[in-house]
Amino acid sequence: MSEIIPLRPALPKSDTFWAVLASQGKRTVIANIYMTQKEAEADRQWRVGQVSAYSVFLRTEKQDVPVYRIEKIKRADLPRNWRPLPALGMLRGRLI
């Protein structure tokens, strides 16, 4: 295979979603979106667990700890190039 095709999950066919928002300092981004509040809450709890598991690392790196919350948002509020955010965002070289 000579070409790498990035997989991007398809957005649900709805105008409103439950979003998991990640805040670090003054910056807030949409971490992921879900159709139900229950799914969003489960993801938020998982993300909080990941942050607590890496709390020592975050303190040694002098990083602000991300804070997660859920909110209802509209499709129009999603940034054009939005992608789901890893729990700690470390795959991108920064948390958020």
N, C-alpha and C. Protein backbone atom coordinates (compact mmCIF):
# COMPACT_ATOMS: atom_id res chain seq x y z
N MET A 1 0.85 -1.17 0.00
CA MET A 1 0.00 0.00 0.00
C MET A 1 0.90 1.24 0.00
N SER A 2 0.74 2.07 -0.96
CA SER A 2 1.62 3.22 -1.11
C SER A 2 1.06 4.50 -0.53
N GLU A 3 -0.17 4.47 -0.05
CA GLU A 3 -0.80 5.69 0.45
C GLU A 3 -1.40 5.45 1.82
N ILE A 4 -1.16 6.37 2.73
CA ILE A 4 -1.75 6.29 4.07
C ILE A 4 -2.98 7.18 4.09
N ILE A 5 -4.09 6.60 4.44
CA ILE A 5 -5.35 7.35 4.49
C ILE A 5 -5.77 7.51 5.94
N PRO A 6 -5.78 8.73 6.46
CA PRO A 6 -6.18 8.92 7.86
C PRO A 6 -7.67 8.64 8.02
N LEU A 7 -8.00 7.93 9.08
CA LEU A 7 -9.39 7.63 9.37
C LEU A 7 -9.97 8.73 10.25
N ARG A 8 -11.06 9.28 9.83
CA ARG A 8 -11.74 10.32 10.59
C ARG A 8 -13.17 9.85 10.82
N PRO A 9 -13.58 9.73 12.08
CA PRO A 9 -14.94 9.23 12.32
C PRO A 9 -15.99 10.16 11.72
N ALA A 10 -17.01 9.57 11.15
CA ALA A 10 -18.10 10.36 10.57
C ALA A 10 -18.93 11.00 11.68
N LEU A 11 -19.35 12.23 11.45
CA LEU A 11 -20.20 12.90 12.43
C LEU A 11 -21.59 12.31 12.39
N PRO A 12 -22.22 12.19 13.55
CA PRO A 12 -23.61 11.71 13.57
C PRO A 12 -24.51 12.65 12.77
N LYS A 13 -25.64 12.13 12.30
CA LYS A 13 -26.59 12.91 11.49
C LYS A 13 -27.54 13.68 12.40
N SER A 14 -27.03 14.59 13.16
CA SER A 14 -27.84 15.37 14.08
C SER A 14 -27.35 16.81 14.09
N ASP A 15 -28.19 17.71 14.52
CA ASP A 15 -27.78 19.12 14.61
C ASP A 15 -27.25 19.49 15.99
N THR A 16 -27.53 18.66 17.00
CA THR A 16 -27.01 18.93 18.35
C THR A 16 -26.31 17.69 18.88
N PHE A 17 -25.27 17.92 19.64
CA PHE A 17 -24.46 16.85 20.21
C PHE A 17 -24.17 17.17 21.67
N TRP A 18 -23.72 16.15 22.38
CA TRP A 18 -23.14 16.34 23.70
C TRP A 18 -21.64 16.34 23.49
N ALA A 19 -20.98 17.39 23.91
CA ALA A 19 -19.54 17.52 23.71
C ALA A 19 -18.79 17.42 25.03
N VAL A 20 -17.65 16.76 24.97
CA VAL A 20 -16.72 16.76 26.09
C VAL A 20 -15.74 17.89 25.80
N LEU A 21 -15.71 18.89 26.66
CA LEU A 21 -14.83 20.04 26.48
C LEU A 21 -13.62 19.91 27.40
N ALA A 22 -12.46 20.21 26.88
CA ALA A 22 -11.22 20.17 27.65
C ALA A 22 -10.70 21.58 27.81
N SER A 23 -10.45 21.98 29.05
CA SER A 23 -9.90 23.31 29.33
C SER A 23 -8.55 23.15 30.01
N GLN A 24 -7.61 23.96 29.55
CA GLN A 24 -6.28 24.00 30.16
C GLN A 24 -5.85 25.45 30.17
N GLY A 25 -5.80 26.01 31.36
CA GLY A 25 -5.54 27.43 31.45
C GLY A 25 -6.71 28.19 30.88
N LYS A 26 -6.45 29.11 29.94
CA LYS A 26 -7.53 29.89 29.32
C LYS A 26 -8.03 29.25 28.03
N ARG A 27 -7.42 28.17 27.59
CA ARG A 27 -7.79 27.54 26.31
C ARG A 27 -8.81 26.42 26.53
N THR A 28 -9.85 26.39 25.72
CA THR A 28 -10.86 25.34 25.77
C THR A 28 -11.07 24.80 24.36
N VAL A 29 -11.07 23.47 24.24
CA VAL A 29 -11.29 22.82 22.95
C VAL A 29 -12.33 21.71 23.12
N ILE A 30 -12.92 21.31 22.01
CA ILE A 30 -13.87 20.20 22.01
C ILE A 30 -13.06 18.92 21.89
N ALA A 31 -13.09 18.10 22.93
CA ALA A 31 -12.32 16.86 22.93
C ALA A 31 -12.99 15.78 22.11
N ASN A 32 -14.31 15.63 22.25
CA ASN A 32 -15.05 14.64 21.48
C ASN A 32 -16.53 14.96 21.56
N ILE A 33 -17.31 14.35 20.67
CA ILE A 33 -18.76 14.59 20.65
C ILE A 33 -19.49 13.25 20.67
N TYR A 34 -20.70 13.29 21.23
CA TYR A 34 -21.53 12.09 21.36
C TYR A 34 -22.98 12.45 21.16
N MET A 35 -23.78 11.44 20.83
CA MET A 35 -25.21 11.64 20.65
C MET A 35 -25.96 11.72 21.98
N THR A 36 -25.46 11.02 23.01
CA THR A 36 -26.15 11.01 24.29
C THR A 36 -25.28 11.58 25.40
N GLN A 37 -25.96 12.09 26.40
CA GLN A 37 -25.25 12.64 27.56
C GLN A 37 -24.53 11.54 28.32
N LYS A 38 -25.10 10.35 28.35
CA LYS A 38 -24.49 9.22 29.05
C LYS A 38 -23.14 8.85 28.43
N GLU A 39 -23.07 8.81 27.09
CA GLU A 39 -21.81 8.51 26.41
C GLU A 39 -20.77 9.60 26.68
N ALA A 40 -21.19 10.84 26.66
CA ALA A 40 -20.28 11.96 26.91
C ALA A 40 -19.75 11.90 28.34
N GLU A 41 -20.62 11.59 29.28
CA GLU A 41 -20.19 11.50 30.69
C GLU A 41 -19.20 10.36 30.89
N ALA A 42 -19.42 9.23 30.22
CA ALA A 42 -18.49 8.10 30.32
C ALA A 42 -17.12 8.50 29.78
N ASP A 43 -17.08 9.21 28.65
CA ASP A 43 -15.81 9.67 28.08
C ASP A 43 -15.13 10.68 29.00
N ARG A 44 -15.91 11.59 29.58
CA ARG A 44 -15.34 12.58 30.50
C ARG A 44 -14.69 11.88 31.69
N GLN A 45 -15.38 10.88 32.24
CA GLN A 45 -14.82 10.16 33.39
C GLN A 45 -13.55 9.41 33.00
N TRP A 46 -13.54 8.83 31.80
CA TRP A 46 -12.33 8.14 31.35
C TRP A 46 -11.17 9.12 31.22
N ARG A 47 -11.43 10.29 30.66
CA ARG A 47 -10.38 11.29 30.48
C ARG A 47 -9.85 11.79 31.84
N VAL A 48 -10.75 11.99 32.79
CA VAL A 48 -10.33 12.40 34.13
C VAL A 48 -9.45 11.32 34.75
N GLY A 49 -9.81 10.06 34.53
CA GLY A 49 -8.99 8.94 35.03
C GLY A 49 -7.60 8.93 34.41
N GLN A 50 -7.52 9.21 33.11
CA GLN A 50 -6.22 9.26 32.44
C GLN A 50 -5.36 10.39 32.99
N VAL A 51 -5.97 11.54 33.24
CA VAL A 51 -5.24 12.68 33.80
C VAL A 51 -4.72 12.33 35.19
N SER A 52 -5.55 11.69 36.00
CA SER A 52 -5.09 11.35 37.36
C SER A 52 -4.00 10.29 37.32
N ALA A 53 -4.05 9.37 36.36
CA ALA A 53 -3.01 8.35 36.23
C ALA A 53 -1.66 8.96 35.86
N TYR A 54 -1.66 10.06 35.14
CA TYR A 54 -0.43 10.72 34.71
C TYR A 54 -0.16 12.01 35.49
N SER A 55 -0.76 12.15 36.66
CA SER A 55 -0.62 13.39 37.42
C SER A 55 0.84 13.69 37.81
N VAL A 56 1.61 12.68 38.15
CA VAL A 56 3.02 12.90 38.51
C VAL A 56 3.78 13.43 37.30
N PHE A 57 3.55 12.83 36.15
CA PHE A 57 4.20 13.29 34.92
C PHE A 57 3.84 14.74 34.63
N LEU A 58 2.56 15.07 34.75
CA LEU A 58 2.11 16.43 34.47
C LEU A 58 2.76 17.44 35.41
N ARG A 59 2.89 17.06 36.68
CA ARG A 59 3.54 17.97 37.64
C ARG A 59 5.01 18.16 37.32
N THR A 60 5.70 17.09 36.92
CA THR A 60 7.13 17.23 36.61
C THR A 60 7.35 18.04 35.33
N GLU A 61 6.41 18.00 34.42
CA GLU A 61 6.49 18.78 33.19
C GLU A 61 5.97 20.20 33.36
N LYS A 62 5.49 20.51 34.56
CA LYS A 62 4.95 21.83 34.89
C LYS A 62 3.82 22.22 33.93
N GLN A 63 2.93 21.26 33.66
CA GLN A 63 1.79 21.48 32.78
C GLN A 63 0.54 21.70 33.63
N ASP A 64 -0.33 22.59 33.16
CA ASP A 64 -1.63 22.72 33.79
C ASP A 64 -2.41 21.45 33.55
N VAL A 65 -3.15 21.00 34.55
CA VAL A 65 -3.94 19.79 34.41
C VAL A 65 -5.21 20.12 33.63
N PRO A 66 -5.53 19.37 32.59
CA PRO A 66 -6.76 19.64 31.84
C PRO A 66 -7.99 19.37 32.71
N VAL A 67 -9.00 20.17 32.53
CA VAL A 67 -10.28 20.00 33.22
C VAL A 67 -11.31 19.68 32.14
N TYR A 68 -12.10 18.63 32.39
CA TYR A 68 -13.09 18.19 31.41
C TYR A 68 -14.50 18.44 31.92
N ARG A 69 -15.39 18.85 31.00
CA ARG A 69 -16.80 19.03 31.31
C ARG A 69 -17.61 18.68 30.07
N ILE A 70 -18.91 18.47 30.25
CA ILE A 70 -19.75 18.18 29.10
C ILE A 70 -20.76 19.30 28.92
N GLU A 71 -21.11 19.53 27.67
CA GLU A 71 -22.04 20.60 27.29
C GLU A 71 -22.75 20.19 26.02
N LYS A 72 -23.95 20.67 25.85
CA LYS A 72 -24.67 20.45 24.60
C LYS A 72 -24.22 21.53 23.60
N ILE A 73 -23.88 21.11 22.38
CA ILE A 73 -23.44 22.06 21.35
C ILE A 73 -24.19 21.78 20.05
N LYS A 74 -24.11 22.73 19.15
CA LYS A 74 -24.72 22.59 17.83
C LYS A 74 -23.65 22.25 16.80
N ARG A 75 -24.06 21.62 15.74
CA ARG A 75 -23.13 21.25 14.67
C ARG A 75 -22.37 22.48 14.15
N ALA A 76 -23.04 23.61 14.07
CA ALA A 76 -22.42 24.84 13.58
C ALA A 76 -21.29 25.33 14.50
N ASP A 77 -21.27 24.89 15.76
CA ASP A 77 -20.23 25.31 16.70
C ASP A 77 -18.93 24.51 16.55
N LEU A 78 -18.97 23.42 15.79
CA LEU A 78 -17.75 22.63 15.59
C LEU A 78 -16.82 23.35 14.63
N PRO A 79 -15.54 23.46 14.98
CA PRO A 79 -14.58 24.04 14.02
C PRO A 79 -14.53 23.19 12.75
N ARG A 80 -14.23 23.80 11.65
CA ARG A 80 -14.24 23.12 10.35
C ARG A 80 -13.32 21.90 10.32
N ASN A 81 -12.11 22.01 10.83
CA ASN A 81 -11.15 20.91 10.81
C ASN A 81 -11.07 20.18 12.14
N TRP A 82 -12.17 20.10 12.85
CA TRP A 82 -12.17 19.47 14.17
C TRP A 82 -11.87 17.97 14.08
N ARG A 83 -11.08 17.50 15.03
CA ARG A 83 -10.78 16.07 15.19
C ARG A 83 -10.84 15.74 16.67
N PRO A 84 -11.19 14.49 17.02
CA PRO A 84 -11.19 14.11 18.44
C PRO A 84 -9.80 14.30 19.04
N LEU A 85 -9.78 14.67 20.31
CA LEU A 85 -8.54 14.95 21.03
C LEU A 85 -8.16 13.75 21.89
N PRO A 86 -6.91 13.28 21.84
CA PRO A 86 -6.49 12.23 22.77
C PRO A 86 -6.65 12.72 24.21
N ALA A 87 -6.80 11.81 25.15
CA ALA A 87 -7.06 12.17 26.55
C ALA A 87 -6.09 13.22 27.07
N LEU A 88 -4.82 13.02 26.84
CA LEU A 88 -3.83 13.98 27.32
C LEU A 88 -3.25 14.80 26.19
N GLY A 89 -3.56 14.46 24.98
CA GLY A 89 -3.08 15.21 23.85
C GLY A 89 -1.58 15.07 23.60
N MET A 90 -0.93 14.15 24.32
CA MET A 90 0.52 14.01 24.21
C MET A 90 0.96 13.57 22.83
N LEU A 91 0.05 12.97 22.07
CA LEU A 91 0.43 12.52 20.73
C LEU A 91 0.72 13.69 19.81
N ARG A 92 0.25 14.86 20.17
CA ARG A 92 0.48 16.07 19.37
C ARG A 92 1.61 16.94 19.94
N GLY A 93 2.26 16.47 20.99
CA GLY A 93 3.36 17.21 21.57
C GLY A 93 2.96 18.27 22.57
N ARG A 94 1.68 18.40 22.84
CA ARG A 94 1.16 19.32 23.85
C ARG A 94 -0.13 18.73 24.38
N LEU A 95 -0.57 19.20 25.52
CA LEU A 95 -1.76 18.60 26.12
C LEU A 95 -3.02 18.95 25.36
N ILE A 96 -3.25 20.22 25.11
CA ILE A 96 -4.46 20.62 24.39
C ILE A 96 -4.06 21.45 23.20
